[in-house]
Amino acid sequence: MDQPAPPLAVIAAALRRERERAGLSLAELARRARLAKSTLSQLEAGNGNPSIETLWALGVALGVPFSRLVEPEPTRVRVIRAGEGATRLRADRADFVATLLATGSPHVRRDLYLMELEPGEPREAEAHIPGTVEHLVVGAGRIRTGPVEEPVEAGPGDYVSFPGDVPHRYEALERAWAVLVMEHR
């Protein structure tokens, strides 16, 4: 599952664009995302190695979907081969990889991910922007997912939907993959 992270230049440009659009200073965005100002400055300069957690925190602080911070400019026809994808992100503490496959236009507000999970430390996710709903279909393996207070087990072919604007988790009970549609209402 070791794949390159999204190009830092894409993340840097997106952070700067969204921060300026929101009219926030580096210091204010860093405070809202609970990051050091120097860390944010490094990310906007195209340096550093942001985790999924860092980018989610920035997206929530900016009030934008995660995908807006990692997705390059769209092309007319797009193919992502299995095991590839410029937007493959890893969690800090869990053996969890998410590949952003497609983003919605600003009017659609949905993103599509392929998730790969390994047994071990669960991926604990903070609340996303208000109104977020996650829709997940398990392709292989078994997982436990959902709000931290009421996770459910799911296996191949099972569909799970839950609010993504509350703390939630993804836990592989065995090696698994799933497709996630994140809807931002």
N, C-alpha and C. Protein backbone atom coordinates (compact mmCIF):
# COMPACT_ATOMS: atom_id res chain seq x y z
N MET A 1 0.81 -1.19 0.00
CA MET A 1 0.00 0.00 0.00
C MET A 1 0.85 1.26 0.00
N ASP A 2 2.15 1.14 -0.11
CA ASP A 2 3.00 2.33 -0.13
C ASP A 2 2.94 2.98 -1.49
N GLN A 3 2.25 4.10 -1.56
CA GLN A 3 2.10 4.86 -2.79
C GLN A 3 2.41 6.31 -2.48
N PRO A 4 2.78 7.08 -3.50
CA PRO A 4 3.07 8.49 -3.25
C PRO A 4 1.85 9.25 -2.79
N ALA A 5 2.10 10.23 -1.95
CA ALA A 5 1.03 11.13 -1.50
C ALA A 5 0.71 12.09 -2.64
N PRO A 6 -0.37 12.85 -2.53
CA PRO A 6 -0.66 13.81 -3.58
C PRO A 6 0.47 14.81 -3.70
N PRO A 7 0.68 15.32 -4.90
CA PRO A 7 1.77 16.29 -5.08
C PRO A 7 1.62 17.45 -4.11
N LEU A 8 2.71 17.77 -3.44
CA LEU A 8 2.68 18.85 -2.46
C LEU A 8 2.32 20.18 -3.09
N ALA A 9 2.67 20.37 -4.35
CA ALA A 9 2.35 21.63 -5.03
C ALA A 9 0.83 21.81 -5.15
N VAL A 10 0.11 20.71 -5.39
CA VAL A 10 -1.36 20.77 -5.49
C VAL A 10 -1.94 21.17 -4.13
N ILE A 11 -1.45 20.54 -3.06
CA ILE A 11 -1.93 20.84 -1.72
C ILE A 11 -1.60 22.29 -1.35
N ALA A 12 -0.37 22.71 -1.64
CA ALA A 12 0.07 24.07 -1.30
C ALA A 12 -0.82 25.12 -1.98
N ALA A 13 -1.04 24.94 -3.27
CA ALA A 13 -1.86 25.90 -4.02
C ALA A 13 -3.30 25.91 -3.51
N ALA A 14 -3.84 24.72 -3.22
CA ALA A 14 -5.22 24.64 -2.74
C ALA A 14 -5.37 25.28 -1.36
N LEU A 15 -4.41 25.03 -0.47
CA LEU A 15 -4.48 25.65 0.86
C LEU A 15 -4.46 27.17 0.77
N ARG A 16 -3.54 27.68 -0.02
CA ARG A 16 -3.42 29.13 -0.18
C ARG A 16 -4.71 29.71 -0.77
N ARG A 17 -5.21 29.06 -1.84
CA ARG A 17 -6.42 29.53 -2.52
C ARG A 17 -7.61 29.54 -1.55
N GLU A 18 -7.83 28.45 -0.82
CA GLU A 18 -8.98 28.36 0.07
C GLU A 18 -8.83 29.26 1.28
N ARG A 19 -7.61 29.43 1.79
CA ARG A 19 -7.40 30.33 2.92
C ARG A 19 -7.70 31.77 2.51
N GLU A 20 -7.20 32.16 1.34
CA GLU A 20 -7.44 33.52 0.85
C GLU A 20 -8.92 33.73 0.53
N ARG A 21 -9.57 32.72 -0.04
CA ARG A 21 -11.00 32.81 -0.34
C ARG A 21 -11.79 33.04 0.95
N ALA A 22 -11.36 32.40 2.03
CA ALA A 22 -12.05 32.54 3.32
C ALA A 22 -11.65 33.81 4.05
N GLY A 23 -10.66 34.53 3.53
CA GLY A 23 -10.21 35.76 4.16
C GLY A 23 -9.51 35.55 5.48
N LEU A 24 -8.81 34.43 5.63
CA LEU A 24 -8.13 34.11 6.87
C LEU A 24 -6.63 34.31 6.77
N SER A 25 -6.03 34.75 7.84
CA SER A 25 -4.57 34.83 7.91
C SER A 25 -4.02 33.43 8.19
N LEU A 26 -2.72 33.27 7.99
CA LEU A 26 -2.08 32.00 8.34
C LEU A 26 -2.33 31.68 9.81
N ALA A 27 -2.14 32.69 10.66
CA ALA A 27 -2.28 32.49 12.11
C ALA A 27 -3.70 32.05 12.47
N GLU A 28 -4.72 32.68 11.87
CA GLU A 28 -6.10 32.35 12.20
C GLU A 28 -6.47 30.95 11.72
N LEU A 29 -6.06 30.59 10.50
CA LEU A 29 -6.36 29.25 10.01
C LEU A 29 -5.64 28.21 10.87
N ALA A 30 -4.39 28.45 11.22
CA ALA A 30 -3.65 27.52 12.07
C ALA A 30 -4.36 27.34 13.40
N ARG A 31 -4.84 28.43 13.99
CA ARG A 31 -5.55 28.36 15.27
C ARG A 31 -6.81 27.51 15.13
N ARG A 32 -7.60 27.78 14.08
CA ARG A 32 -8.86 27.04 13.89
C ARG A 32 -8.62 25.55 13.64
N ALA A 33 -7.52 25.23 12.96
CA ALA A 33 -7.22 23.82 12.64
C ALA A 33 -6.38 23.15 13.73
N ARG A 34 -6.02 23.94 14.76
CA ARG A 34 -5.19 23.44 15.85
C ARG A 34 -3.85 22.93 15.36
N LEU A 35 -3.22 23.73 14.51
CA LEU A 35 -1.89 23.44 13.97
C LEU A 35 -0.96 24.58 14.33
N ALA A 36 0.33 24.30 14.32
CA ALA A 36 1.31 25.36 14.49
C ALA A 36 1.31 26.22 13.23
N LYS A 37 1.44 27.52 13.39
CA LYS A 37 1.48 28.43 12.24
C LYS A 37 2.64 28.04 11.32
N SER A 38 3.77 27.62 11.90
CA SER A 38 4.93 27.23 11.08
C SER A 38 4.61 26.01 10.22
N THR A 39 3.81 25.08 10.75
CA THR A 39 3.41 23.90 9.98
C THR A 39 2.58 24.31 8.77
N LEU A 40 1.60 25.18 9.01
CA LEU A 40 0.75 25.65 7.91
C LEU A 40 1.57 26.42 6.89
N SER A 41 2.49 27.24 7.35
CA SER A 41 3.35 27.99 6.45
C SER A 41 4.18 27.05 5.57
N GLN A 42 4.71 25.99 6.18
CA GLN A 42 5.48 25.00 5.42
C GLN A 42 4.61 24.31 4.37
N LEU A 43 3.39 23.97 4.74
CA LEU A 43 2.49 23.30 3.79
C LEU A 43 2.15 24.21 2.62
N GLU A 44 1.89 25.48 2.91
CA GLU A 44 1.58 26.42 1.83
C GLU A 44 2.80 26.67 0.94
N ALA A 45 3.99 26.43 1.48
CA ALA A 45 5.22 26.59 0.69
C ALA A 45 5.54 25.32 -0.10
N GLY A 46 4.71 24.28 0.06
CA GLY A 46 4.94 23.03 -0.67
C GLY A 46 5.91 22.10 0.02
N ASN A 47 6.13 22.31 1.30
CA ASN A 47 7.02 21.45 2.08
C ASN A 47 6.22 20.67 3.10
N GLY A 48 6.83 19.68 3.69
CA GLY A 48 6.16 18.90 4.72
C GLY A 48 5.51 17.66 4.14
N ASN A 49 4.87 16.90 5.01
CA ASN A 49 4.22 15.66 4.62
C ASN A 49 2.90 15.56 5.38
N PRO A 50 1.86 16.26 4.90
CA PRO A 50 0.61 16.30 5.66
C PRO A 50 -0.09 14.95 5.70
N SER A 51 -0.61 14.60 6.86
CA SER A 51 -1.38 13.37 7.02
C SER A 51 -2.84 13.64 6.66
N ILE A 52 -3.61 12.58 6.57
CA ILE A 52 -5.05 12.72 6.34
C ILE A 52 -5.66 13.59 7.44
N GLU A 53 -5.25 13.33 8.68
CA GLU A 53 -5.81 14.07 9.82
C GLU A 53 -5.55 15.57 9.71
N THR A 54 -4.32 15.93 9.31
CA THR A 54 -3.98 17.35 9.16
C THR A 54 -4.83 18.00 8.07
N LEU A 55 -4.96 17.33 6.93
CA LEU A 55 -5.73 17.89 5.83
C LEU A 55 -7.23 17.97 6.17
N TRP A 56 -7.75 16.97 6.89
CA TRP A 56 -9.16 17.03 7.30
C TRP A 56 -9.38 18.21 8.23
N ALA A 57 -8.46 18.39 9.18
CA ALA A 57 -8.59 19.51 10.12
C ALA A 57 -8.60 20.84 9.38
N LEU A 58 -7.75 20.97 8.36
CA LEU A 58 -7.71 22.20 7.57
C LEU A 58 -9.00 22.38 6.78
N GLY A 59 -9.51 21.29 6.20
CA GLY A 59 -10.77 21.37 5.46
C GLY A 59 -11.93 21.81 6.34
N VAL A 60 -12.01 21.23 7.54
CA VAL A 60 -13.07 21.61 8.48
C VAL A 60 -12.92 23.08 8.87
N ALA A 61 -11.68 23.50 9.17
CA ALA A 61 -11.44 24.89 9.56
C ALA A 61 -11.79 25.87 8.43
N LEU A 62 -11.61 25.43 7.19
CA LEU A 62 -11.92 26.28 6.03
C LEU A 62 -13.37 26.14 5.58
N GLY A 63 -14.06 25.10 6.08
CA GLY A 63 -15.45 24.86 5.67
C GLY A 63 -15.56 24.33 4.26
N VAL A 64 -14.55 23.55 3.83
CA VAL A 64 -14.56 22.98 2.48
C VAL A 64 -14.36 21.47 2.56
N PRO A 65 -14.85 20.73 1.57
CA PRO A 65 -14.60 19.29 1.55
C PRO A 65 -13.11 19.00 1.45
N PHE A 66 -12.69 17.92 2.07
CA PHE A 66 -11.31 17.45 2.03
C PHE A 66 -10.76 17.43 0.60
N SER A 67 -11.57 16.97 -0.33
CA SER A 67 -11.12 16.82 -1.71
C SER A 67 -10.64 18.13 -2.32
N ARG A 68 -11.20 19.24 -1.89
CA ARG A 68 -10.82 20.51 -2.46
C ARG A 68 -9.36 20.85 -2.15
N LEU A 69 -8.79 20.20 -1.13
CA LEU A 69 -7.40 20.47 -0.74
C LEU A 69 -6.40 19.55 -1.42
N VAL A 70 -6.85 18.48 -2.05
CA VAL A 70 -5.90 17.50 -2.60
C VAL A 70 -6.09 17.18 -4.08
N GLU A 71 -7.18 17.61 -4.65
CA GLU A 71 -7.51 17.23 -6.03
C GLU A 71 -6.92 18.21 -7.03
N PRO A 72 -6.16 17.71 -8.00
CA PRO A 72 -5.66 18.60 -9.06
C PRO A 72 -6.81 19.05 -9.97
N GLU A 73 -6.54 20.00 -10.82
CA GLU A 73 -7.55 20.49 -11.76
C GLU A 73 -8.08 19.32 -12.60
N PRO A 74 -9.40 19.24 -12.79
CA PRO A 74 -9.98 18.11 -13.52
C PRO A 74 -9.67 18.16 -15.02
N THR A 75 -9.66 16.97 -15.61
CA THR A 75 -9.52 16.84 -17.06
C THR A 75 -10.83 16.24 -17.59
N ARG A 76 -10.98 16.23 -18.90
CA ARG A 76 -12.23 15.74 -19.48
C ARG A 76 -12.41 14.24 -19.32
N VAL A 77 -11.37 13.47 -19.59
CA VAL A 77 -11.41 12.02 -19.42
C VAL A 77 -10.33 11.65 -18.41
N ARG A 78 -10.69 10.85 -17.44
CA ARG A 78 -9.74 10.52 -16.38
C ARG A 78 -9.79 9.03 -16.09
N VAL A 79 -8.62 8.40 -16.03
CA VAL A 79 -8.49 7.00 -15.69
C VAL A 79 -7.50 6.89 -14.55
N ILE A 80 -7.88 6.15 -13.52
CA ILE A 80 -6.96 5.86 -12.42
C ILE A 80 -6.82 4.35 -12.39
N ARG A 81 -5.63 3.88 -12.67
CA ARG A 81 -5.37 2.44 -12.68
C ARG A 81 -5.32 1.90 -11.26
N ALA A 82 -5.71 0.63 -11.10
CA ALA A 82 -5.69 -0.01 -9.78
C ALA A 82 -4.31 0.14 -9.15
N GLY A 83 -4.29 0.52 -7.88
CA GLY A 83 -3.04 0.68 -7.15
C GLY A 83 -2.33 1.99 -7.41
N GLU A 84 -2.92 2.85 -8.24
CA GLU A 84 -2.30 4.13 -8.55
C GLU A 84 -3.22 5.25 -8.08
N GLY A 85 -2.82 6.45 -8.38
CA GLY A 85 -3.63 7.61 -8.02
C GLY A 85 -2.78 8.61 -7.29
N ALA A 86 -2.77 9.83 -7.80
CA ALA A 86 -1.95 10.88 -7.19
C ALA A 86 -2.48 11.25 -5.82
N THR A 87 -3.73 10.96 -5.55
CA THR A 87 -4.34 11.39 -4.30
C THR A 87 -4.56 10.20 -3.38
N ARG A 88 -3.46 9.48 -3.08
CA ARG A 88 -3.49 8.37 -2.11
C ARG A 88 -2.95 8.90 -0.80
N LEU A 89 -3.77 8.84 0.23
CA LEU A 89 -3.39 9.41 1.52
C LEU A 89 -3.42 8.35 2.61
N ARG A 90 -2.50 8.49 3.55
CA ARG A 90 -2.38 7.55 4.68
C ARG A 90 -2.79 8.23 5.97
N ALA A 91 -3.30 7.42 6.88
CA ALA A 91 -3.62 7.90 8.22
C ALA A 91 -2.34 7.91 9.06
N ASP A 92 -2.32 8.73 10.09
CA ASP A 92 -1.17 8.79 10.99
C ASP A 92 -0.98 7.51 11.78
N ARG A 93 -2.06 7.00 12.39
CA ARG A 93 -1.92 5.92 13.35
C ARG A 93 -2.52 4.59 12.89
N ALA A 94 -3.25 4.56 11.82
CA ALA A 94 -3.90 3.32 11.38
C ALA A 94 -3.37 2.91 10.02
N ASP A 95 -3.43 1.61 9.74
CA ASP A 95 -3.03 1.12 8.43
C ASP A 95 -4.22 1.30 7.51
N PHE A 96 -4.39 2.53 7.04
CA PHE A 96 -5.57 2.97 6.30
C PHE A 96 -5.09 3.85 5.16
N VAL A 97 -5.50 3.52 3.94
CA VAL A 97 -5.16 4.33 2.78
C VAL A 97 -6.45 4.68 2.06
N ALA A 98 -6.61 5.94 1.69
CA ALA A 98 -7.78 6.38 0.94
C ALA A 98 -7.30 6.99 -0.37
N THR A 99 -7.88 6.57 -1.46
CA THR A 99 -7.58 7.12 -2.77
C THR A 99 -8.79 7.91 -3.24
N LEU A 100 -8.61 9.22 -3.41
CA LEU A 100 -9.68 10.06 -3.91
C LEU A 100 -9.83 9.77 -5.40
N LEU A 101 -10.99 9.23 -5.79
CA LEU A 101 -11.22 8.88 -7.19
C LEU A 101 -11.89 10.00 -7.97
N ALA A 102 -12.83 10.70 -7.34
CA ALA A 102 -13.53 11.76 -8.04
C ALA A 102 -14.11 12.75 -7.04
N THR A 103 -14.16 14.00 -7.46
CA THR A 103 -14.76 15.03 -6.64
C THR A 103 -15.98 15.58 -7.34
N GLY A 104 -16.88 16.12 -6.56
CA GLY A 104 -18.05 16.76 -7.15
C GLY A 104 -17.74 18.22 -7.43
N SER A 105 -18.48 18.79 -8.36
CA SER A 105 -18.36 20.22 -8.60
C SER A 105 -18.86 20.95 -7.37
N PRO A 106 -18.58 22.24 -7.23
CA PRO A 106 -19.06 22.95 -6.04
C PRO A 106 -20.56 22.83 -5.81
N HIS A 107 -21.34 22.58 -6.88
CA HIS A 107 -22.80 22.47 -6.73
C HIS A 107 -23.24 21.06 -6.35
N VAL A 108 -22.41 20.05 -6.64
CA VAL A 108 -22.77 18.66 -6.36
C VAL A 108 -22.35 18.27 -4.95
N ARG A 109 -21.17 18.63 -4.55
CA ARG A 109 -20.64 18.42 -3.20
C ARG A 109 -20.65 16.96 -2.77
N ARG A 110 -19.96 16.13 -3.52
CA ARG A 110 -19.73 14.74 -3.15
C ARG A 110 -18.37 14.33 -3.67
N ASP A 111 -17.75 13.40 -2.94
CA ASP A 111 -16.44 12.87 -3.32
C ASP A 111 -16.52 11.36 -3.28
N LEU A 112 -15.70 10.71 -4.11
CA LEU A 112 -15.68 9.25 -4.21
C LEU A 112 -14.28 8.75 -3.87
N TYR A 113 -14.20 7.80 -2.93
CA TYR A 113 -12.92 7.26 -2.47
C TYR A 113 -12.90 5.75 -2.57
N LEU A 114 -11.72 5.19 -2.79
CA LEU A 114 -11.46 3.77 -2.63
C LEU A 114 -10.62 3.65 -1.37
N MET A 115 -11.08 2.89 -0.38
CA MET A 115 -10.36 2.76 0.87
C MET A 115 -9.79 1.36 1.00
N GLU A 116 -8.56 1.28 1.48
CA GLU A 116 -7.90 0.02 1.77
C GLU A 116 -7.55 -0.01 3.24
N LEU A 117 -7.97 -1.06 3.93
CA LEU A 117 -7.80 -1.13 5.38
C LEU A 117 -7.12 -2.44 5.77
N GLU A 118 -6.24 -2.37 6.73
CA GLU A 118 -5.56 -3.54 7.29
C GLU A 118 -5.93 -3.65 8.76
N PRO A 119 -6.02 -4.87 9.30
CA PRO A 119 -6.30 -5.03 10.72
C PRO A 119 -5.23 -4.33 11.56
N GLY A 120 -5.62 -3.90 12.72
CA GLY A 120 -4.71 -3.20 13.62
C GLY A 120 -5.40 -1.99 14.20
N GLU A 121 -4.66 -0.93 14.37
CA GLU A 121 -5.19 0.32 14.94
C GLU A 121 -6.33 0.86 14.07
N PRO A 122 -7.51 1.15 14.66
CA PRO A 122 -8.59 1.72 13.86
C PRO A 122 -8.28 3.15 13.43
N ARG A 123 -8.88 3.58 12.35
CA ARG A 123 -8.77 4.96 11.88
C ARG A 123 -9.88 5.74 12.57
N GLU A 124 -9.50 6.63 13.47
CA GLU A 124 -10.45 7.47 14.20
C GLU A 124 -10.52 8.80 13.45
N ALA A 125 -11.68 9.15 12.96
CA ALA A 125 -11.86 10.37 12.18
C ALA A 125 -12.62 11.41 12.98
N GLU A 126 -12.15 12.64 12.90
CA GLU A 126 -12.85 13.76 13.52
C GLU A 126 -14.09 14.09 12.70
N ALA A 127 -14.98 14.87 13.26
CA ALA A 127 -16.17 15.31 12.54
C ALA A 127 -15.77 16.14 11.33
N HIS A 128 -16.44 15.92 10.20
CA HIS A 128 -16.22 16.70 9.00
C HIS A 128 -17.14 17.92 9.02
N ILE A 129 -17.20 18.64 7.91
CA ILE A 129 -18.03 19.84 7.88
C ILE A 129 -19.51 19.46 8.12
N PRO A 130 -20.28 20.36 8.74
CA PRO A 130 -21.68 20.06 9.06
C PRO A 130 -22.48 19.61 7.83
N GLY A 131 -23.31 18.59 8.05
CA GLY A 131 -24.15 18.06 6.98
C GLY A 131 -23.51 16.93 6.19
N THR A 132 -22.28 16.55 6.50
CA THR A 132 -21.61 15.48 5.77
C THR A 132 -22.25 14.14 6.10
N VAL A 133 -22.50 13.33 5.06
CA VAL A 133 -23.02 11.98 5.22
C VAL A 133 -22.07 11.05 4.45
N GLU A 134 -21.70 9.93 5.06
CA GLU A 134 -20.82 8.96 4.42
C GLU A 134 -21.63 7.74 4.00
N HIS A 135 -21.39 7.29 2.76
CA HIS A 135 -22.04 6.10 2.20
C HIS A 135 -20.92 5.15 1.82
N LEU A 136 -20.95 3.94 2.36
CA LEU A 136 -19.84 3.01 2.18
C LEU A 136 -20.36 1.65 1.72
N VAL A 137 -19.71 1.07 0.70
CA VAL A 137 -20.00 -0.29 0.25
C VAL A 137 -18.72 -1.09 0.38
N VAL A 138 -18.78 -2.20 1.11
CA VAL A 138 -17.60 -3.05 1.32
C VAL A 138 -17.45 -3.95 0.11
N GLY A 139 -16.24 -3.96 -0.46
CA GLY A 139 -15.95 -4.83 -1.61
C GLY A 139 -15.37 -6.17 -1.20
N ALA A 140 -14.54 -6.18 -0.16
CA ALA A 140 -13.92 -7.42 0.33
C ALA A 140 -13.52 -7.23 1.78
N GLY A 141 -13.51 -8.33 2.54
CA GLY A 141 -13.11 -8.27 3.93
C GLY A 141 -14.25 -7.85 4.84
N ARG A 142 -13.91 -7.61 6.10
CA ARG A 142 -14.89 -7.20 7.09
C ARG A 142 -14.37 -5.97 7.82
N ILE A 143 -15.27 -5.02 8.06
CA ILE A 143 -14.89 -3.79 8.77
C ILE A 143 -15.92 -3.48 9.84
N ARG A 144 -15.52 -2.62 10.77
CA ARG A 144 -16.42 -2.02 11.74
C ARG A 144 -16.32 -0.53 11.49
N THR A 145 -17.46 0.13 11.25
CA THR A 145 -17.44 1.54 10.89
C THR A 145 -18.69 2.24 11.39
N GLY A 146 -18.63 3.55 11.39
CA GLY A 146 -19.77 4.36 11.78
C GLY A 146 -19.39 5.32 12.89
N PRO A 147 -20.39 6.01 13.43
CA PRO A 147 -20.11 6.92 14.53
C PRO A 147 -19.43 6.17 15.68
N VAL A 148 -18.52 6.83 16.38
CA VAL A 148 -17.78 6.20 17.47
C VAL A 148 -18.74 5.57 18.47
N GLU A 149 -19.89 6.20 18.70
CA GLU A 149 -20.85 5.71 19.70
C GLU A 149 -21.70 4.53 19.21
N GLU A 150 -21.76 4.29 17.89
CA GLU A 150 -22.60 3.20 17.39
C GLU A 150 -22.05 2.58 16.12
N PRO A 151 -20.82 2.03 16.15
CA PRO A 151 -20.27 1.40 14.95
C PRO A 151 -21.02 0.10 14.62
N VAL A 152 -20.96 -0.28 13.35
CA VAL A 152 -21.59 -1.52 12.90
C VAL A 152 -20.55 -2.32 12.12
N GLU A 153 -20.77 -3.63 12.05
CA GLU A 153 -19.90 -4.50 11.26
C GLU A 153 -20.51 -4.66 9.87
N ALA A 154 -19.63 -4.71 8.86
CA ALA A 154 -20.09 -4.87 7.48
C ALA A 154 -19.12 -5.76 6.73
N GLY A 155 -19.66 -6.52 5.77
CA GLY A 155 -18.87 -7.42 4.96
C GLY A 155 -19.12 -7.18 3.49
N PRO A 156 -18.57 -8.03 2.62
CA PRO A 156 -18.68 -7.83 1.17
C PRO A 156 -20.12 -7.62 0.71
N GLY A 157 -20.32 -6.53 -0.03
CA GLY A 157 -21.62 -6.19 -0.57
C GLY A 157 -22.50 -5.37 0.37
N ASP A 158 -22.12 -5.27 1.65
CA ASP A 158 -22.93 -4.51 2.60
C ASP A 158 -22.77 -3.01 2.36
N TYR A 159 -23.87 -2.30 2.57
CA TYR A 159 -23.90 -0.84 2.46
C TYR A 159 -24.14 -0.25 3.85
N VAL A 160 -23.37 0.77 4.20
CA VAL A 160 -23.52 1.47 5.48
C VAL A 160 -23.56 2.96 5.19
N SER A 161 -24.48 3.67 5.84
CA SER A 161 -24.55 5.11 5.73
C SER A 161 -24.59 5.68 7.14
N PHE A 162 -23.84 6.77 7.37
CA PHE A 162 -23.83 7.38 8.70
C PHE A 162 -23.41 8.84 8.59
N PRO A 163 -23.75 9.63 9.62
CA PRO A 163 -23.33 11.03 9.61
C PRO A 163 -21.82 11.15 9.75
N GLY A 164 -21.22 11.92 8.87
CA GLY A 164 -19.78 12.15 8.91
C GLY A 164 -19.43 13.42 9.67
N ASP A 165 -20.44 14.12 10.16
CA ASP A 165 -20.16 15.35 10.90
C ASP A 165 -20.12 15.12 12.40
N VAL A 166 -19.88 13.86 12.78
CA VAL A 166 -19.62 13.47 14.17
C VAL A 166 -18.36 12.59 14.15
N PRO A 167 -17.65 12.47 15.28
CA PRO A 167 -16.49 11.57 15.28
C PRO A 167 -16.91 10.16 14.87
N HIS A 168 -16.10 9.54 14.01
CA HIS A 168 -16.43 8.21 13.51
C HIS A 168 -15.15 7.41 13.29
N ARG A 169 -15.33 6.14 12.93
CA ARG A 169 -14.16 5.27 12.82
C ARG A 169 -14.30 4.27 11.68
N TYR A 170 -13.12 3.78 11.25
CA TYR A 170 -13.02 2.68 10.29
C TYR A 170 -12.05 1.68 10.91
N GLU A 171 -12.50 0.44 11.07
CA GLU A 171 -11.64 -0.58 11.65
C GLU A 171 -11.72 -1.84 10.80
N ALA A 172 -10.58 -2.31 10.32
CA ALA A 172 -10.55 -3.55 9.55
C ALA A 172 -10.53 -4.73 10.51
N LEU A 173 -11.50 -5.61 10.40
CA LEU A 173 -11.51 -6.83 11.20
C LEU A 173 -10.68 -7.90 10.50
N GLU A 174 -10.49 -7.69 9.21
CA GLU A 174 -9.58 -8.47 8.37
C GLU A 174 -9.23 -7.54 7.21
N ARG A 175 -8.24 -7.90 6.42
CA ARG A 175 -7.88 -7.05 5.28
C ARG A 175 -9.13 -6.76 4.47
N ALA A 176 -9.33 -5.47 4.12
CA ALA A 176 -10.58 -5.09 3.46
C ALA A 176 -10.37 -3.93 2.51
N TRP A 177 -11.32 -3.78 1.60
CA TRP A 177 -11.41 -2.57 0.79
C TRP A 177 -12.88 -2.20 0.66
N ALA A 178 -13.12 -0.91 0.46
CA ALA A 178 -14.48 -0.41 0.37
C ALA A 178 -14.50 0.84 -0.50
N VAL A 179 -15.65 1.13 -1.03
CA VAL A 179 -15.86 2.37 -1.78
C VAL A 179 -16.69 3.29 -0.89
N LEU A 180 -16.24 4.53 -0.79
CA LEU A 180 -16.90 5.52 0.06
C LEU A 180 -17.33 6.70 -0.79
N VAL A 181 -18.60 7.07 -0.69
CA VAL A 181 -19.08 8.32 -1.27
C VAL A 181 -19.35 9.24 -0.09
N MET A 182 -18.66 10.38 -0.09
CA MET A 182 -18.86 11.36 0.97
C MET A 182 -19.69 12.49 0.40
N GLU A 183 -20.84 12.69 1.00
CA GLU A 183 -21.80 13.69 0.54
C GLU A 183 -21.73 14.89 1.48
N HIS A 184 -21.55 16.06 0.91
CA HIS A 184 -21.48 17.29 1.70
C HIS A 184 -22.75 18.10 1.40
N ARG A 185 -23.66 18.15 2.35
CA ARG A 185 -24.96 18.82 2.12
C ARG A 185 -24.87 20.29 2.40
